[in-house]
């Protein structure tokens, strides 16, 4: 069996892509993500996922909620609609699986964004983010998150994909 490097799902020998997450199972010679230099002060201790209180104090989008991503450097807004799960990343030539939200036009490669960096999901009327095993990691409000673990998001939260910063906007 072949073990997916992204989600650790087992695939049959000879498989080229993971049937669970779509990750490529064959190593190519093309670099996947530009690695960025970090200062020792940039490294934070991994924090456990923030638990959303049951009393409803966290922002919980309703069916009518509009979720958008604010690209901090450019000021542009990307509206998310029509799905309950969105992959975020960048594109590269010959890439077989494309992210739902392509950050390539915003210099994502030079800022350390992976091809399939993270996923935003709407679960039970709340939004969560999951790092998909990216090379340069994901931070929520400055705290590094553990890959493949869902973390709840609220209106105004700042998300760093490598050194690429976006803000989550939730309008009801």
N, C-alpha and C. Protein backbone atom coordinates (compact mmCIF):
# COMPACT_ATOMS: atom_id res chain seq x y z
N UNK A 1 0.84 -1.18 0.00
CA UNK A 1 0.00 0.00 0.00
C UNK A 1 0.89 1.25 0.00
N UNK A 2 0.38 2.32 -0.62
CA UNK A 2 1.06 3.61 -0.64
C UNK A 2 0.37 4.50 0.38
N UNK A 3 1.13 5.22 1.19
CA UNK A 3 0.59 6.12 2.20
C UNK A 3 0.63 7.55 1.66
N UNK A 4 -0.52 8.22 1.63
CA UNK A 4 -0.59 9.60 1.15
C UNK A 4 0.22 10.49 2.09
N UNK A 5 1.12 11.31 1.56
CA UNK A 5 1.92 12.19 2.42
C UNK A 5 1.10 13.33 3.01
N UNK A 6 -0.08 13.60 2.45
CA UNK A 6 -0.89 14.71 2.91
C UNK A 6 -1.88 14.30 4.00
N UNK A 7 -2.69 13.27 3.74
CA UNK A 7 -3.75 12.89 4.70
C UNK A 7 -3.53 11.51 5.30
N UNK A 8 -2.49 10.80 4.88
CA UNK A 8 -2.11 9.49 5.40
C UNK A 8 -3.11 8.38 5.07
N UNK A 9 -3.91 8.58 4.03
CA UNK A 9 -4.84 7.56 3.55
C UNK A 9 -4.05 6.52 2.77
N UNK A 10 -4.40 5.25 2.90
CA UNK A 10 -3.70 4.19 2.16
C UNK A 10 -4.32 4.01 0.78
N UNK A 11 -3.45 3.93 -0.23
CA UNK A 11 -3.88 3.74 -1.61
C UNK A 11 -3.22 2.49 -2.18
N UNK A 12 -3.79 1.96 -3.23
CA UNK A 12 -3.24 0.77 -3.89
C UNK A 12 -1.93 1.13 -4.59
N UNK A 13 -0.98 0.18 -4.64
CA UNK A 13 0.27 0.44 -5.37
C UNK A 13 -0.02 0.85 -6.81
N UNK A 14 0.72 1.84 -7.30
CA UNK A 14 0.53 2.34 -8.65
C UNK A 14 -0.39 3.54 -8.73
N UNK A 15 -1.07 3.88 -7.62
CA UNK A 15 -1.95 5.05 -7.61
C UNK A 15 -1.11 6.31 -7.79
N UNK A 16 -1.63 7.25 -8.56
CA UNK A 16 -0.93 8.51 -8.77
C UNK A 16 -1.43 9.62 -7.86
N UNK A 17 -2.73 9.54 -7.47
CA UNK A 17 -3.33 10.57 -6.64
C UNK A 17 -4.13 9.93 -5.52
N UNK A 18 -4.21 10.60 -4.39
CA UNK A 18 -4.97 10.13 -3.24
C UNK A 18 -6.46 10.27 -3.53
N UNK A 19 -7.22 9.23 -3.30
CA UNK A 19 -8.66 9.27 -3.54
C UNK A 19 -9.40 10.06 -2.46
N UNK A 20 -8.76 10.33 -1.33
CA UNK A 20 -9.39 11.09 -0.26
C UNK A 20 -9.19 12.60 -0.42
N UNK A 21 -7.92 13.03 -0.61
CA UNK A 21 -7.63 14.47 -0.63
C UNK A 21 -7.14 14.97 -1.98
N UNK A 22 -6.83 14.06 -2.91
CA UNK A 22 -6.39 14.47 -4.23
C UNK A 22 -4.91 14.76 -4.36
N UNK A 23 -4.15 14.58 -3.28
CA UNK A 23 -2.72 14.87 -3.33
C UNK A 23 -2.01 13.92 -4.28
N UNK A 24 -0.97 14.43 -4.93
CA UNK A 24 -0.17 13.62 -5.84
C UNK A 24 0.68 12.66 -5.02
N UNK A 25 0.70 11.39 -5.40
CA UNK A 25 1.43 10.37 -4.66
C UNK A 25 2.81 10.11 -5.23
N UNK A 26 3.10 10.63 -6.42
CA UNK A 26 4.39 10.43 -7.07
C UNK A 26 5.20 11.71 -6.91
N UNK A 27 6.44 11.59 -6.45
CA UNK A 27 7.30 12.75 -6.26
C UNK A 27 7.76 13.25 -7.62
N UNK A 28 7.67 14.56 -7.83
CA UNK A 28 8.14 15.17 -9.07
C UNK A 28 9.39 15.98 -8.77
N UNK A 29 10.07 16.41 -9.82
CA UNK A 29 11.27 17.20 -9.65
C UNK A 29 10.97 18.69 -9.50
N UNK A 30 9.72 19.11 -9.71
CA UNK A 30 9.35 20.51 -9.61
C UNK A 30 9.22 20.88 -8.13
N UNK A 31 9.83 21.98 -7.69
CA UNK A 31 9.68 22.37 -6.29
C UNK A 31 8.22 22.71 -6.00
N UNK A 32 7.71 22.25 -4.87
CA UNK A 32 6.29 22.42 -4.57
C UNK A 32 5.98 23.79 -3.99
N UNK A 33 6.82 24.32 -3.13
CA UNK A 33 6.59 25.61 -2.50
C UNK A 33 7.92 26.23 -2.16
N UNK A 34 8.03 27.53 -2.37
CA UNK A 34 9.25 28.22 -1.99
C UNK A 34 9.30 28.28 -0.47
N UNK A 35 10.37 27.79 0.12
CA UNK A 35 10.52 27.84 1.57
C UNK A 35 10.99 29.22 1.98
N UNK A 36 10.37 29.77 2.99
CA UNK A 36 10.72 31.10 3.45
C UNK A 36 11.54 31.00 4.73
N UNK A 37 12.42 31.97 4.92
CA UNK A 37 13.25 32.01 6.11
C UNK A 37 12.43 32.58 7.26
N UNK A 38 12.54 31.97 8.41
CA UNK A 38 11.84 32.44 9.60
C UNK A 38 12.85 32.83 10.66
N UNK A 39 12.51 33.86 11.38
CA UNK A 39 13.30 34.23 12.54
C UNK A 39 12.88 33.34 13.70
N UNK A 40 13.79 33.03 14.64
CA UNK A 40 13.39 32.22 15.79
C UNK A 40 12.21 32.83 16.54
N UNK A 41 12.07 34.15 16.50
CA UNK A 41 10.95 34.80 17.20
C UNK A 41 9.62 34.55 16.51
N UNK A 42 9.64 34.10 15.23
CA UNK A 42 8.40 33.81 14.50
C UNK A 42 7.76 32.51 14.94
N UNK A 43 8.54 31.62 15.56
CA UNK A 43 8.05 30.29 15.91
C UNK A 43 7.30 30.37 17.23
N UNK A 44 6.05 30.00 17.20
CA UNK A 44 5.22 30.00 18.40
C UNK A 44 4.92 28.57 18.79
N UNK A 45 4.64 28.36 20.05
CA UNK A 45 4.24 27.04 20.51
C UNK A 45 2.89 26.70 19.90
N UNK A 46 2.70 25.45 19.52
CA UNK A 46 1.44 25.01 18.95
C UNK A 46 0.38 25.04 20.04
N UNK A 47 -0.70 25.72 19.73
CA UNK A 47 -1.80 25.84 20.68
C UNK A 47 -2.90 24.85 20.31
N UNK A 48 -3.61 24.31 21.29
CA UNK A 48 -4.73 23.43 20.95
C UNK A 48 -5.83 24.22 20.26
N UNK A 49 -6.70 23.54 19.52
CA UNK A 49 -7.78 24.24 18.85
C UNK A 49 -8.64 25.02 19.84
N UNK A 50 -9.07 26.20 19.41
CA UNK A 50 -9.93 27.01 20.25
C UNK A 50 -11.32 26.39 20.22
N UNK A 51 -11.90 26.18 21.38
CA UNK A 51 -13.24 25.61 21.46
C UNK A 51 -14.27 26.73 21.42
N UNK A 52 -15.25 26.59 20.56
CA UNK A 52 -16.32 27.57 20.49
C UNK A 52 -17.29 27.33 21.63
N UNK A 53 -17.57 28.36 22.45
CA UNK A 53 -18.49 28.18 23.57
C UNK A 53 -19.88 27.77 23.10
N UNK A 54 -20.55 26.97 23.92
CA UNK A 54 -21.89 26.51 23.57
C UNK A 54 -22.93 27.60 23.75
N UNK A 55 -22.59 28.67 24.46
CA UNK A 55 -23.57 29.72 24.69
C UNK A 55 -23.74 30.64 23.49
N UNK A 56 -23.01 30.37 22.39
CA UNK A 56 -23.21 31.13 21.16
C UNK A 56 -22.52 32.47 21.14
N UNK A 57 -21.50 32.70 21.96
CA UNK A 57 -20.84 34.00 21.96
C UNK A 57 -19.95 34.19 20.74
N UNK A 58 -19.50 33.12 20.11
CA UNK A 58 -18.68 33.25 18.91
C UNK A 58 -19.59 33.53 17.72
N UNK A 59 -19.05 34.18 16.71
CA UNK A 59 -19.82 34.46 15.51
C UNK A 59 -20.11 33.16 14.78
N UNK A 60 -21.36 32.83 14.63
CA UNK A 60 -21.75 31.60 13.93
C UNK A 60 -22.57 31.99 12.71
N UNK A 61 -22.04 31.78 11.52
CA UNK A 61 -22.79 32.17 10.34
C UNK A 61 -24.05 31.35 10.16
N UNK A 62 -25.07 32.00 9.66
CA UNK A 62 -26.31 31.30 9.37
C UNK A 62 -26.28 30.90 7.90
N UNK A 63 -27.37 30.28 7.45
CA UNK A 63 -27.45 29.87 6.06
C UNK A 63 -27.29 31.09 5.15
N UNK A 64 -27.77 32.26 5.60
CA UNK A 64 -27.72 33.47 4.80
C UNK A 64 -26.38 34.20 4.92
N UNK A 65 -25.45 33.70 5.71
CA UNK A 65 -24.17 34.38 5.90
C UNK A 65 -23.37 34.40 4.60
N UNK A 66 -22.67 35.51 4.39
CA UNK A 66 -21.78 35.64 3.24
C UNK A 66 -20.36 35.65 3.79
N UNK A 67 -19.55 34.71 3.33
CA UNK A 67 -18.17 34.60 3.79
C UNK A 67 -17.26 35.15 2.70
N UNK A 68 -16.33 36.02 3.12
CA UNK A 68 -15.38 36.62 2.19
C UNK A 68 -13.99 36.57 2.77
N UNK A 69 -13.00 36.64 1.89
CA UNK A 69 -11.60 36.71 2.29
C UNK A 69 -11.08 38.08 1.88
N UNK A 70 -10.52 38.81 2.84
CA UNK A 70 -9.92 40.11 2.58
C UNK A 70 -8.42 39.91 2.43
N UNK A 71 -7.88 40.17 1.23
CA UNK A 71 -6.44 40.07 0.99
C UNK A 71 -5.82 41.33 1.58
N UNK A 72 -5.10 41.19 2.69
CA UNK A 72 -4.62 42.34 3.44
C UNK A 72 -3.69 43.22 2.61
N UNK A 73 -2.73 42.64 1.90
CA UNK A 73 -1.75 43.45 1.15
C UNK A 73 -2.37 44.27 0.03
N UNK A 74 -3.37 43.72 -0.66
CA UNK A 74 -3.95 44.42 -1.81
C UNK A 74 -5.27 45.12 -1.49
N UNK A 75 -5.91 44.72 -0.39
CA UNK A 75 -7.21 45.28 -0.05
C UNK A 75 -8.36 44.65 -0.80
N UNK A 76 -8.09 43.70 -1.68
CA UNK A 76 -9.15 43.07 -2.46
C UNK A 76 -9.94 42.09 -1.61
N UNK A 77 -11.19 41.88 -2.02
CA UNK A 77 -12.11 40.97 -1.33
C UNK A 77 -12.46 39.83 -2.29
N UNK A 78 -12.37 38.59 -1.79
CA UNK A 78 -12.79 37.41 -2.55
C UNK A 78 -14.02 36.85 -1.85
N UNK A 79 -15.17 36.87 -2.53
CA UNK A 79 -16.40 36.33 -1.97
C UNK A 79 -16.46 34.83 -2.20
N UNK A 80 -16.84 34.09 -1.17
CA UNK A 80 -16.98 32.64 -1.26
C UNK A 80 -18.46 32.30 -1.27
N UNK A 81 -18.88 31.54 -2.27
CA UNK A 81 -20.30 31.19 -2.36
C UNK A 81 -20.45 29.89 -3.14
N UNK A 82 -21.57 29.21 -2.92
CA UNK A 82 -21.93 28.06 -3.72
C UNK A 82 -21.42 26.72 -3.22
N UNK A 83 -20.62 26.69 -2.17
CA UNK A 83 -20.08 25.43 -1.65
C UNK A 83 -20.02 25.52 -0.13
N UNK A 84 -19.76 24.38 0.50
CA UNK A 84 -19.55 24.36 1.95
C UNK A 84 -18.09 24.10 2.29
N UNK A 85 -17.26 23.82 1.27
CA UNK A 85 -15.83 23.62 1.50
C UNK A 85 -15.04 24.24 0.36
N UNK A 86 -14.00 24.99 0.71
CA UNK A 86 -13.16 25.67 -0.26
C UNK A 86 -11.70 25.38 0.04
N UNK A 87 -10.96 24.90 -0.97
CA UNK A 87 -9.52 24.77 -0.79
C UNK A 87 -8.88 26.09 -1.20
N UNK A 88 -7.81 26.44 -0.49
CA UNK A 88 -7.10 27.70 -0.73
C UNK A 88 -5.66 27.36 -1.05
N UNK A 89 -5.13 27.97 -2.10
CA UNK A 89 -3.74 27.73 -2.46
C UNK A 89 -3.36 28.55 -3.67
N UNK A 90 -2.45 28.00 -4.46
CA UNK A 90 -1.98 28.67 -5.67
C UNK A 90 -1.86 27.61 -6.77
N UNK A 91 -1.75 28.08 -7.99
CA UNK A 91 -1.61 27.15 -9.10
C UNK A 91 -0.18 27.18 -9.63
N UNK A 92 0.19 26.08 -10.28
CA UNK A 92 1.48 25.96 -10.94
C UNK A 92 1.26 25.17 -12.22
N UNK A 93 2.13 25.36 -13.19
CA UNK A 93 1.99 24.68 -14.47
C UNK A 93 1.97 23.17 -14.29
N UNK A 94 0.99 22.53 -14.90
CA UNK A 94 0.88 21.08 -14.84
C UNK A 94 0.23 20.55 -13.58
N UNK A 95 -0.28 21.41 -12.75
CA UNK A 95 -0.91 20.99 -11.50
C UNK A 95 -2.26 20.34 -11.81
N UNK A 96 -2.45 19.07 -11.43
CA UNK A 96 -3.69 18.38 -11.80
C UNK A 96 -4.90 18.78 -10.96
N UNK A 97 -4.71 19.14 -9.72
CA UNK A 97 -5.82 19.51 -8.85
C UNK A 97 -5.66 20.97 -8.46
N UNK A 98 -6.64 21.78 -8.81
CA UNK A 98 -6.55 23.22 -8.57
C UNK A 98 -7.31 23.61 -7.31
N UNK A 99 -6.83 24.63 -6.59
CA UNK A 99 -7.57 25.09 -5.41
C UNK A 99 -8.83 25.84 -5.84
N UNK A 100 -9.83 25.84 -4.98
CA UNK A 100 -11.05 26.60 -5.26
C UNK A 100 -10.76 28.10 -5.24
N UNK A 101 -9.88 28.51 -4.33
CA UNK A 101 -9.48 29.91 -4.21
C UNK A 101 -8.00 29.98 -4.60
N UNK A 102 -7.73 30.55 -5.79
CA UNK A 102 -6.37 30.64 -6.31
C UNK A 102 -5.76 31.98 -5.92
N UNK A 103 -4.72 31.94 -5.10
CA UNK A 103 -4.05 33.15 -4.64
C UNK A 103 -2.84 33.51 -5.50
N UNK A 104 -2.63 32.82 -6.61
CA UNK A 104 -1.47 33.08 -7.48
C UNK A 104 -1.38 34.54 -7.94
N UNK A 105 -2.48 35.20 -8.29
CA UNK A 105 -2.38 36.58 -8.75
C UNK A 105 -1.88 37.56 -7.67
N UNK A 106 -1.79 37.11 -6.44
CA UNK A 106 -1.40 37.98 -5.33
C UNK A 106 0.00 37.64 -4.80
N UNK A 107 0.87 37.12 -5.66
CA UNK A 107 2.25 36.76 -5.30
C UNK A 107 2.31 35.69 -4.21
N UNK A 108 1.42 34.73 -4.30
CA UNK A 108 1.32 33.68 -3.27
C UNK A 108 2.57 32.82 -3.20
N UNK A 109 3.19 32.53 -4.34
CA UNK A 109 4.38 31.67 -4.34
C UNK A 109 5.51 32.30 -3.53
N UNK A 110 5.78 33.58 -3.77
CA UNK A 110 6.89 34.24 -3.07
C UNK A 110 6.61 34.43 -1.58
N UNK A 111 5.34 34.32 -1.19
CA UNK A 111 4.98 34.46 0.23
C UNK A 111 4.81 33.11 0.91
N UNK A 112 5.15 32.02 0.20
CA UNK A 112 5.17 30.70 0.83
C UNK A 112 3.86 29.96 0.88
N UNK A 113 2.92 30.27 -0.03
CA UNK A 113 1.64 29.57 -0.07
C UNK A 113 1.83 28.28 -0.87
N UNK A 114 1.38 27.16 -0.31
CA UNK A 114 1.44 25.87 -0.99
C UNK A 114 0.33 25.77 -2.03
N UNK A 115 0.45 24.79 -2.93
CA UNK A 115 -0.55 24.61 -3.98
C UNK A 115 -1.93 24.32 -3.40
N UNK A 116 -2.01 23.41 -2.47
CA UNK A 116 -3.24 23.16 -1.70
C UNK A 116 -2.86 23.39 -0.25
N UNK A 117 -2.97 24.62 0.20
CA UNK A 117 -2.44 25.05 1.49
C UNK A 117 -3.40 24.77 2.65
N UNK A 118 -4.65 25.18 2.49
CA UNK A 118 -5.62 25.06 3.58
C UNK A 118 -7.01 24.87 2.99
N UNK A 119 -7.95 24.51 3.87
CA UNK A 119 -9.35 24.38 3.47
C UNK A 119 -10.21 25.14 4.46
N UNK A 120 -11.20 25.85 3.94
CA UNK A 120 -12.23 26.48 4.76
C UNK A 120 -13.49 25.65 4.60
N UNK A 121 -14.13 25.33 5.73
CA UNK A 121 -15.33 24.49 5.69
C UNK A 121 -16.41 25.11 6.56
N UNK A 122 -17.64 24.96 6.12
CA UNK A 122 -18.79 25.37 6.93
C UNK A 122 -19.39 24.08 7.48
N UNK A 123 -19.30 23.92 8.80
CA UNK A 123 -19.81 22.73 9.49
C UNK A 123 -20.82 23.16 10.54
N UNK A 124 -22.01 22.65 10.47
CA UNK A 124 -23.01 22.92 11.51
C UNK A 124 -23.07 24.40 11.84
N UNK A 125 -23.19 25.22 10.82
CA UNK A 125 -23.36 26.66 10.96
C UNK A 125 -22.15 27.39 11.54
N UNK A 126 -20.96 26.82 11.43
CA UNK A 126 -19.75 27.53 11.83
C UNK A 126 -18.66 27.29 10.80
N UNK A 127 -17.68 28.17 10.77
CA UNK A 127 -16.60 28.07 9.79
C UNK A 127 -15.35 27.58 10.48
N UNK A 128 -14.67 26.62 9.85
CA UNK A 128 -13.40 26.11 10.38
C UNK A 128 -12.36 26.16 9.27
N UNK A 129 -11.08 26.24 9.68
CA UNK A 129 -9.97 26.18 8.75
C UNK A 129 -9.12 24.97 9.10
N UNK A 130 -8.56 24.33 8.08
CA UNK A 130 -7.68 23.18 8.25
C UNK A 130 -6.45 23.38 7.38
N UNK A 131 -5.27 23.28 7.98
CA UNK A 131 -4.03 23.29 7.20
C UNK A 131 -3.92 21.91 6.53
N UNK A 132 -3.65 21.88 5.24
CA UNK A 132 -3.62 20.63 4.49
C UNK A 132 -2.21 20.05 4.38
N UNK A 133 -1.38 20.29 5.39
CA UNK A 133 -0.01 19.79 5.36
C UNK A 133 0.91 20.69 4.57
N UNK A 134 0.67 21.99 4.62
CA UNK A 134 1.44 22.96 3.84
C UNK A 134 2.91 23.00 4.29
N UNK A 135 3.77 23.46 3.38
CA UNK A 135 5.20 23.53 3.67
C UNK A 135 5.54 24.61 4.69
N UNK A 136 4.83 25.74 4.66
CA UNK A 136 5.17 26.87 5.53
C UNK A 136 4.16 27.14 6.63
N UNK A 137 3.18 26.28 6.77
CA UNK A 137 2.25 26.37 7.89
C UNK A 137 1.17 27.42 7.75
N UNK A 138 0.21 27.34 8.67
CA UNK A 138 -0.92 28.26 8.73
C UNK A 138 -1.04 28.76 10.16
N UNK A 139 -1.35 30.04 10.29
CA UNK A 139 -1.56 30.65 11.61
C UNK A 139 -2.93 31.32 11.63
N UNK A 140 -3.58 31.24 12.79
CA UNK A 140 -4.84 31.95 13.01
C UNK A 140 -4.59 32.92 14.14
N UNK A 141 -4.74 34.21 13.85
CA UNK A 141 -4.47 35.26 14.83
C UNK A 141 -3.09 35.09 15.47
N UNK A 142 -2.10 34.74 14.65
CA UNK A 142 -0.72 34.62 15.11
C UNK A 142 -0.33 33.28 15.70
N UNK A 143 -1.29 32.39 15.90
CA UNK A 143 -1.01 31.10 16.52
C UNK A 143 -0.95 30.02 15.44
N UNK A 144 0.17 29.31 15.39
CA UNK A 144 0.35 28.23 14.41
C UNK A 144 -0.65 27.11 14.70
N UNK A 145 -1.27 26.59 13.65
CA UNK A 145 -2.23 25.50 13.83
C UNK A 145 -1.60 24.19 13.38
N UNK A 146 -2.09 23.11 13.94
CA UNK A 146 -1.61 21.77 13.63
C UNK A 146 -2.25 21.32 12.32
N UNK A 147 -1.46 20.77 11.39
CA UNK A 147 -2.04 20.29 10.13
C UNK A 147 -3.11 19.22 10.35
N UNK A 148 -4.11 19.25 9.49
CA UNK A 148 -5.20 18.26 9.44
C UNK A 148 -6.10 18.30 10.68
N UNK A 149 -6.14 19.44 11.37
CA UNK A 149 -7.03 19.63 12.52
C UNK A 149 -7.88 20.86 12.23
N UNK A 150 -9.20 20.76 12.44
CA UNK A 150 -10.12 21.88 12.22
C UNK A 150 -9.99 22.90 13.35
N UNK A 151 -9.93 24.19 12.98
CA UNK A 151 -9.90 25.28 13.95
C UNK A 151 -11.04 26.24 13.61
N UNK A 152 -11.87 26.60 14.59
CA UNK A 152 -13.00 27.50 14.32
C UNK A 152 -12.52 28.92 14.01
N UNK A 153 -13.27 29.59 13.14
CA UNK A 153 -12.97 30.97 12.77
C UNK A 153 -14.14 31.87 13.11
N UNK A 154 -13.82 33.12 13.42
CA UNK A 154 -14.82 34.14 13.69
C UNK A 154 -14.58 35.33 12.77
N UNK A 155 -15.59 36.18 12.64
CA UNK A 155 -15.48 37.38 11.83
C UNK A 155 -14.26 38.20 12.28
N UNK A 156 -13.43 38.59 11.33
CA UNK A 156 -12.28 39.42 11.63
C UNK A 156 -11.00 38.67 11.93
N UNK A 157 -11.06 37.34 12.05
CA UNK A 157 -9.84 36.57 12.33
C UNK A 157 -8.83 36.77 11.21
N UNK A 158 -7.55 36.84 11.58
CA UNK A 158 -6.45 36.98 10.63
C UNK A 158 -5.83 35.61 10.39
N UNK A 159 -5.67 35.24 9.13
CA UNK A 159 -5.11 33.95 8.75
C UNK A 159 -3.83 34.21 7.97
N UNK A 160 -2.74 33.55 8.37
CA UNK A 160 -1.48 33.65 7.64
C UNK A 160 -1.18 32.30 7.00
N UNK A 161 -1.08 32.29 5.68
CA UNK A 161 -0.69 31.11 4.92
C UNK A 161 0.77 31.36 4.53
N UNK A 162 1.71 30.77 5.27
CA UNK A 162 3.11 31.18 5.12
C UNK A 162 3.19 32.62 5.59
N UNK A 163 3.58 33.53 4.69
CA UNK A 163 3.62 34.96 5.02
C UNK A 163 2.54 35.75 4.28
N UNK A 164 1.55 35.04 3.75
CA UNK A 164 0.43 35.65 3.03
C UNK A 164 -0.72 35.83 4.01
N UNK A 165 -1.17 37.06 4.21
CA UNK A 165 -2.19 37.33 5.22
C UNK A 165 -3.54 37.65 4.60
N UNK A 166 -4.57 36.96 5.12
CA UNK A 166 -5.95 37.23 4.74
C UNK A 166 -6.78 37.38 6.01
N UNK A 167 -7.89 38.07 5.88
CA UNK A 167 -8.81 38.25 7.01
C UNK A 167 -10.15 37.64 6.62
N UNK A 168 -10.75 36.91 7.55
CA UNK A 168 -12.05 36.28 7.29
C UNK A 168 -13.15 37.29 7.61
N UNK A 169 -14.07 37.47 6.68
CA UNK A 169 -15.20 38.38 6.87
C UNK A 169 -16.48 37.57 6.78
N UNK A 170 -17.34 37.71 7.79
CA UNK A 170 -18.61 36.98 7.82
C UNK A 170 -19.71 38.02 7.97
N UNK A 171 -20.59 38.10 6.96
CA UNK A 171 -21.72 39.03 6.99
C UNK A 171 -23.00 38.23 7.02
N UNK A 172 -23.89 38.64 7.90
CA UNK A 172 -25.19 37.95 8.00
C UNK A 172 -26.24 38.71 7.23
